[in-house]
Amino acid sequence: IIQEIKKKNAVPVLVTGAPRLGYEAVINQANHYIRNVYEYPYLDLNDIVAENQSSTIWKPGFSLTDGVHPSIYAHEQIAKKFYDMMPELFLK
């Protein structure tokens, strides 16, 4: 997917994964690569919504009762963080 984005002369923006019980190892590994290996800008969704970077626990009020989807409040925080990133993404 990244190569297809680059072919269009666009900048890929990666997103770390949110907490999800039963998928801790996969999410932590993917998040590690996004944060430390890939050299693309990224939105650290996990940092916004999780108790800590390796946590499988959402911050209080940040997920719906299903434990999978962000709450309205979490969506507001995610949007704010993405908005704050825009100069970095588009003014290079």
N, C-alpha and C. Protein backbone atom coordinates (compact mmCIF):
# COMPACT_ATOMS: atom_id res chain seq x y z
N ILE A 1 0.83 -1.19 0.00
CA ILE A 1 0.00 0.00 0.00
C ILE A 1 0.87 1.25 0.00
N ILE A 2 1.94 1.22 0.79
CA ILE A 2 2.83 2.39 0.86
C ILE A 2 3.41 2.71 -0.51
N GLN A 3 3.83 1.68 -1.24
CA GLN A 3 4.41 1.92 -2.56
C GLN A 3 3.39 2.53 -3.52
N GLU A 4 2.15 2.09 -3.44
CA GLU A 4 1.09 2.66 -4.29
C GLU A 4 0.86 4.13 -3.96
N ILE A 5 0.88 4.46 -2.70
CA ILE A 5 0.71 5.86 -2.28
C ILE A 5 1.87 6.70 -2.81
N LYS A 6 3.10 6.19 -2.66
CA LYS A 6 4.27 6.92 -3.14
C LYS A 6 4.27 7.09 -4.65
N LYS A 7 3.74 6.10 -5.40
CA LYS A 7 3.64 6.21 -6.86
C LYS A 7 2.78 7.41 -7.26
N LYS A 8 1.85 7.76 -6.41
CA LYS A 8 0.96 8.90 -6.70
C LYS A 8 1.54 10.21 -6.17
N ASN A 9 2.83 10.16 -5.77
CA ASN A 9 3.54 11.31 -5.26
C ASN A 9 2.86 11.90 -4.02
N ALA A 10 2.32 10.99 -3.21
CA ALA A 10 1.67 11.38 -1.96
C ALA A 10 2.48 10.85 -0.78
N VAL A 11 2.21 11.38 0.38
CA VAL A 11 2.91 10.96 1.58
C VAL A 11 2.03 10.01 2.38
N PRO A 12 2.50 8.79 2.63
CA PRO A 12 1.71 7.89 3.47
C PRO A 12 1.76 8.36 4.92
N VAL A 13 0.64 8.31 5.59
CA VAL A 13 0.57 8.63 7.01
C VAL A 13 0.09 7.36 7.71
N LEU A 14 0.95 6.80 8.52
CA LEU A 14 0.64 5.55 9.21
C LEU A 14 -0.11 5.84 10.50
N VAL A 15 -0.79 4.84 11.02
CA VAL A 15 -1.56 4.98 12.26
C VAL A 15 -1.29 3.76 13.12
N THR A 16 -0.89 3.99 14.38
CA THR A 16 -0.70 2.86 15.28
C THR A 16 -2.06 2.27 15.66
N GLY A 17 -2.02 1.02 16.11
CA GLY A 17 -3.25 0.33 16.48
C GLY A 17 -3.70 0.65 17.89
N ALA A 18 -5.01 0.57 18.09
CA ALA A 18 -5.61 0.80 19.40
C ALA A 18 -5.62 -0.51 20.18
N PRO A 19 -5.82 -0.44 21.49
CA PRO A 19 -5.88 -1.65 22.31
C PRO A 19 -6.96 -2.60 21.83
N ARG A 20 -6.66 -3.87 21.90
CA ARG A 20 -7.65 -4.89 21.54
C ARG A 20 -7.27 -6.20 22.22
N LEU A 21 -8.09 -6.62 23.14
CA LEU A 21 -7.81 -7.86 23.87
C LEU A 21 -7.71 -9.03 22.90
N GLY A 22 -6.71 -9.86 23.13
CA GLY A 22 -6.49 -11.02 22.27
C GLY A 22 -5.56 -10.74 21.10
N TYR A 23 -5.25 -9.48 20.86
CA TYR A 23 -4.38 -9.11 19.74
C TYR A 23 -3.17 -8.31 20.21
N GLU A 24 -2.86 -8.41 21.49
CA GLU A 24 -1.80 -7.59 22.08
C GLU A 24 -0.47 -7.72 21.35
N ALA A 25 -0.04 -8.95 21.10
CA ALA A 25 1.28 -9.17 20.48
C ALA A 25 1.34 -8.57 19.08
N VAL A 26 0.30 -8.78 18.29
CA VAL A 26 0.27 -8.26 16.92
C VAL A 26 0.25 -6.74 16.92
N ILE A 27 -0.59 -6.17 17.76
CA ILE A 27 -0.69 -4.70 17.81
C ILE A 27 0.61 -4.10 18.31
N ASN A 28 1.19 -4.67 19.36
CA ASN A 28 2.44 -4.13 19.88
C ASN A 28 3.57 -4.22 18.85
N GLN A 29 3.62 -5.32 18.11
CA GLN A 29 4.66 -5.46 17.08
C GLN A 29 4.45 -4.45 15.96
N ALA A 30 3.22 -4.32 15.48
CA ALA A 30 2.93 -3.34 14.41
C ALA A 30 3.24 -1.94 14.89
N ASN A 31 2.83 -1.62 16.11
CA ASN A 31 3.09 -0.28 16.64
C ASN A 31 4.59 -0.01 16.76
N HIS A 32 5.35 -1.02 17.16
CA HIS A 32 6.80 -0.87 17.25
C HIS A 32 7.39 -0.50 15.88
N TYR A 33 6.96 -1.21 14.84
CA TYR A 33 7.47 -0.93 13.50
C TYR A 33 7.08 0.47 13.05
N ILE A 34 5.85 0.85 13.29
CA ILE A 34 5.40 2.19 12.89
C ILE A 34 6.20 3.27 13.60
N ARG A 35 6.43 3.09 14.89
CA ARG A 35 7.14 4.10 15.68
C ARG A 35 8.65 4.12 15.44
N ASN A 36 9.24 2.96 15.18
CA ASN A 36 10.70 2.87 15.21
C ASN A 36 11.39 2.43 13.93
N VAL A 37 10.66 1.83 13.00
CA VAL A 37 11.31 1.28 11.81
C VAL A 37 10.95 2.08 10.56
N TYR A 38 9.68 2.24 10.32
CA TYR A 38 9.26 2.98 9.13
C TYR A 38 9.60 4.45 9.28
N GLU A 39 9.96 5.06 8.19
CA GLU A 39 10.35 6.47 8.23
C GLU A 39 9.28 7.34 7.58
N TYR A 40 8.06 7.17 8.05
CA TYR A 40 6.94 7.95 7.56
C TYR A 40 6.26 8.63 8.74
N PRO A 41 5.60 9.73 8.48
CA PRO A 41 4.84 10.34 9.58
C PRO A 41 3.75 9.38 10.03
N TYR A 42 3.42 9.47 11.30
CA TYR A 42 2.37 8.59 11.81
C TYR A 42 1.56 9.29 12.90
N LEU A 43 0.33 8.88 12.98
CA LEU A 43 -0.56 9.32 14.05
C LEU A 43 -0.52 8.21 15.10
N ASP A 44 -0.10 8.55 16.30
CA ASP A 44 0.01 7.55 17.35
C ASP A 44 -1.33 7.40 18.06
N LEU A 45 -2.23 6.71 17.39
CA LEU A 45 -3.56 6.46 17.94
C LEU A 45 -3.47 5.77 19.29
N ASN A 46 -2.56 4.80 19.39
CA ASN A 46 -2.40 4.06 20.63
C ASN A 46 -2.03 4.99 21.79
N ASP A 47 -1.16 5.94 21.52
CA ASP A 47 -0.74 6.88 22.57
C ASP A 47 -1.92 7.75 23.02
N ILE A 48 -2.82 8.05 22.12
CA ILE A 48 -3.97 8.89 22.44
C ILE A 48 -4.98 8.13 23.29
N VAL A 49 -5.25 6.87 22.96
CA VAL A 49 -6.38 6.16 23.57
C VAL A 49 -6.02 5.12 24.62
N ALA A 50 -4.75 4.68 24.67
CA ALA A 50 -4.37 3.59 25.57
C ALA A 50 -3.73 4.11 26.85
N GLU A 51 -3.79 3.30 27.89
CA GLU A 51 -3.18 3.65 29.18
C GLU A 51 -1.68 3.91 29.03
N ASN A 52 -0.99 3.10 28.21
CA ASN A 52 0.43 3.32 27.90
C ASN A 52 0.72 2.65 26.57
N GLN A 53 1.95 2.80 26.07
CA GLN A 53 2.25 2.34 24.71
C GLN A 53 2.15 0.84 24.50
N SER A 54 2.24 0.05 25.54
CA SER A 54 2.09 -1.39 25.36
C SER A 54 0.82 -1.91 26.03
N SER A 55 -0.09 -1.01 26.29
CA SER A 55 -1.29 -1.37 27.03
C SER A 55 -2.37 -1.96 26.13
N THR A 56 -3.13 -2.85 26.71
CA THR A 56 -4.31 -3.37 26.05
C THR A 56 -5.56 -2.77 26.69
N ILE A 57 -5.35 -1.73 27.49
CA ILE A 57 -6.45 -1.11 28.22
C ILE A 57 -6.65 0.31 27.70
N TRP A 58 -7.87 0.61 27.35
CA TRP A 58 -8.23 1.95 26.90
C TRP A 58 -8.22 2.91 28.09
N LYS A 59 -7.90 4.16 27.85
CA LYS A 59 -8.07 5.18 28.87
C LYS A 59 -9.56 5.27 29.19
N PRO A 60 -9.90 5.60 30.43
CA PRO A 60 -11.32 5.72 30.78
C PRO A 60 -12.06 6.71 29.87
N GLY A 61 -13.19 6.28 29.34
CA GLY A 61 -14.01 7.13 28.49
C GLY A 61 -13.59 7.20 27.04
N PHE A 62 -12.56 6.44 26.67
CA PHE A 62 -12.04 6.51 25.30
C PHE A 62 -12.57 5.43 24.37
N SER A 63 -13.29 4.42 24.89
CA SER A 63 -13.84 3.41 24.00
C SER A 63 -15.32 3.23 24.26
N LEU A 64 -15.98 2.69 23.24
CA LEU A 64 -17.38 2.31 23.41
C LEU A 64 -17.42 1.05 24.27
N THR A 65 -18.60 0.63 24.62
CA THR A 65 -18.73 -0.53 25.49
C THR A 65 -18.22 -1.82 24.85
N ASP A 66 -18.04 -1.83 23.53
CA ASP A 66 -17.52 -3.03 22.87
C ASP A 66 -16.02 -3.21 23.08
N GLY A 67 -15.34 -2.19 23.60
CA GLY A 67 -13.91 -2.29 23.83
C GLY A 67 -13.07 -2.30 22.57
N VAL A 68 -13.68 -1.98 21.44
CA VAL A 68 -12.97 -2.01 20.16
C VAL A 68 -12.97 -0.63 19.50
N HIS A 69 -14.08 0.06 19.56
CA HIS A 69 -14.23 1.32 18.84
C HIS A 69 -14.07 2.53 19.76
N PRO A 70 -13.45 3.59 19.25
CA PRO A 70 -13.28 4.80 20.05
C PRO A 70 -14.63 5.48 20.33
N SER A 71 -14.69 6.12 21.48
CA SER A 71 -15.87 6.90 21.84
C SER A 71 -15.87 8.23 21.08
N ILE A 72 -16.94 8.96 21.22
CA ILE A 72 -17.00 10.29 20.59
C ILE A 72 -15.87 11.17 21.14
N TYR A 73 -15.67 11.12 22.45
CA TYR A 73 -14.58 11.91 23.05
C TYR A 73 -13.23 11.50 22.46
N ALA A 74 -13.00 10.20 22.32
CA ALA A 74 -11.74 9.74 21.73
C ALA A 74 -11.59 10.23 20.30
N HIS A 75 -12.67 10.19 19.52
CA HIS A 75 -12.62 10.70 18.15
C HIS A 75 -12.25 12.18 18.14
N GLU A 76 -12.75 12.93 19.08
CA GLU A 76 -12.39 14.35 19.17
C GLU A 76 -10.88 14.52 19.42
N GLN A 77 -10.35 13.71 20.32
CA GLN A 77 -8.92 13.78 20.64
C GLN A 77 -8.06 13.34 19.45
N ILE A 78 -8.51 12.31 18.74
CA ILE A 78 -7.79 11.84 17.55
C ILE A 78 -7.79 12.93 16.48
N ALA A 79 -8.94 13.54 16.25
CA ALA A 79 -9.04 14.60 15.25
C ALA A 79 -8.16 15.78 15.61
N LYS A 80 -8.12 16.13 16.88
CA LYS A 80 -7.27 17.25 17.33
C LYS A 80 -5.80 16.95 17.06
N LYS A 81 -5.38 15.74 17.38
CA LYS A 81 -3.98 15.36 17.15
C LYS A 81 -3.66 15.38 15.66
N PHE A 82 -4.55 14.86 14.82
CA PHE A 82 -4.32 14.87 13.38
C PHE A 82 -4.26 16.31 12.87
N TYR A 83 -5.15 17.15 13.35
CA TYR A 83 -5.15 18.56 12.96
C TYR A 83 -3.82 19.22 13.33
N ASP A 84 -3.33 18.92 14.52
CA ASP A 84 -2.05 19.48 14.97
C ASP A 84 -0.88 19.00 14.11
N MET A 85 -1.02 17.82 13.49
CA MET A 85 0.04 17.26 12.63
C MET A 85 0.05 17.88 11.23
N MET A 86 -1.03 18.50 10.82
CA MET A 86 -1.14 18.94 9.43
C MET A 86 0.00 19.81 8.94
N PRO A 87 0.47 20.80 9.70
CA PRO A 87 1.61 21.57 9.18
C PRO A 87 2.83 20.69 8.88
N GLU A 88 3.09 19.74 9.74
CA GLU A 88 4.21 18.83 9.52
C GLU A 88 4.04 18.01 8.25
N LEU A 89 2.80 17.66 7.95
CA LEU A 89 2.54 16.82 6.78
C LEU A 89 2.52 17.59 5.47
N PHE A 90 2.01 18.80 5.50
CA PHE A 90 1.74 19.49 4.24
C PHE A 90 2.65 20.68 3.96
N LEU A 91 3.46 21.08 4.90
CA LEU A 91 4.31 22.25 4.69
C LEU A 91 5.78 21.88 4.52
N LYS A 92 6.03 20.65 4.12
CA LYS A 92 7.42 20.22 3.89
C LYS A 92 7.82 20.48 2.47
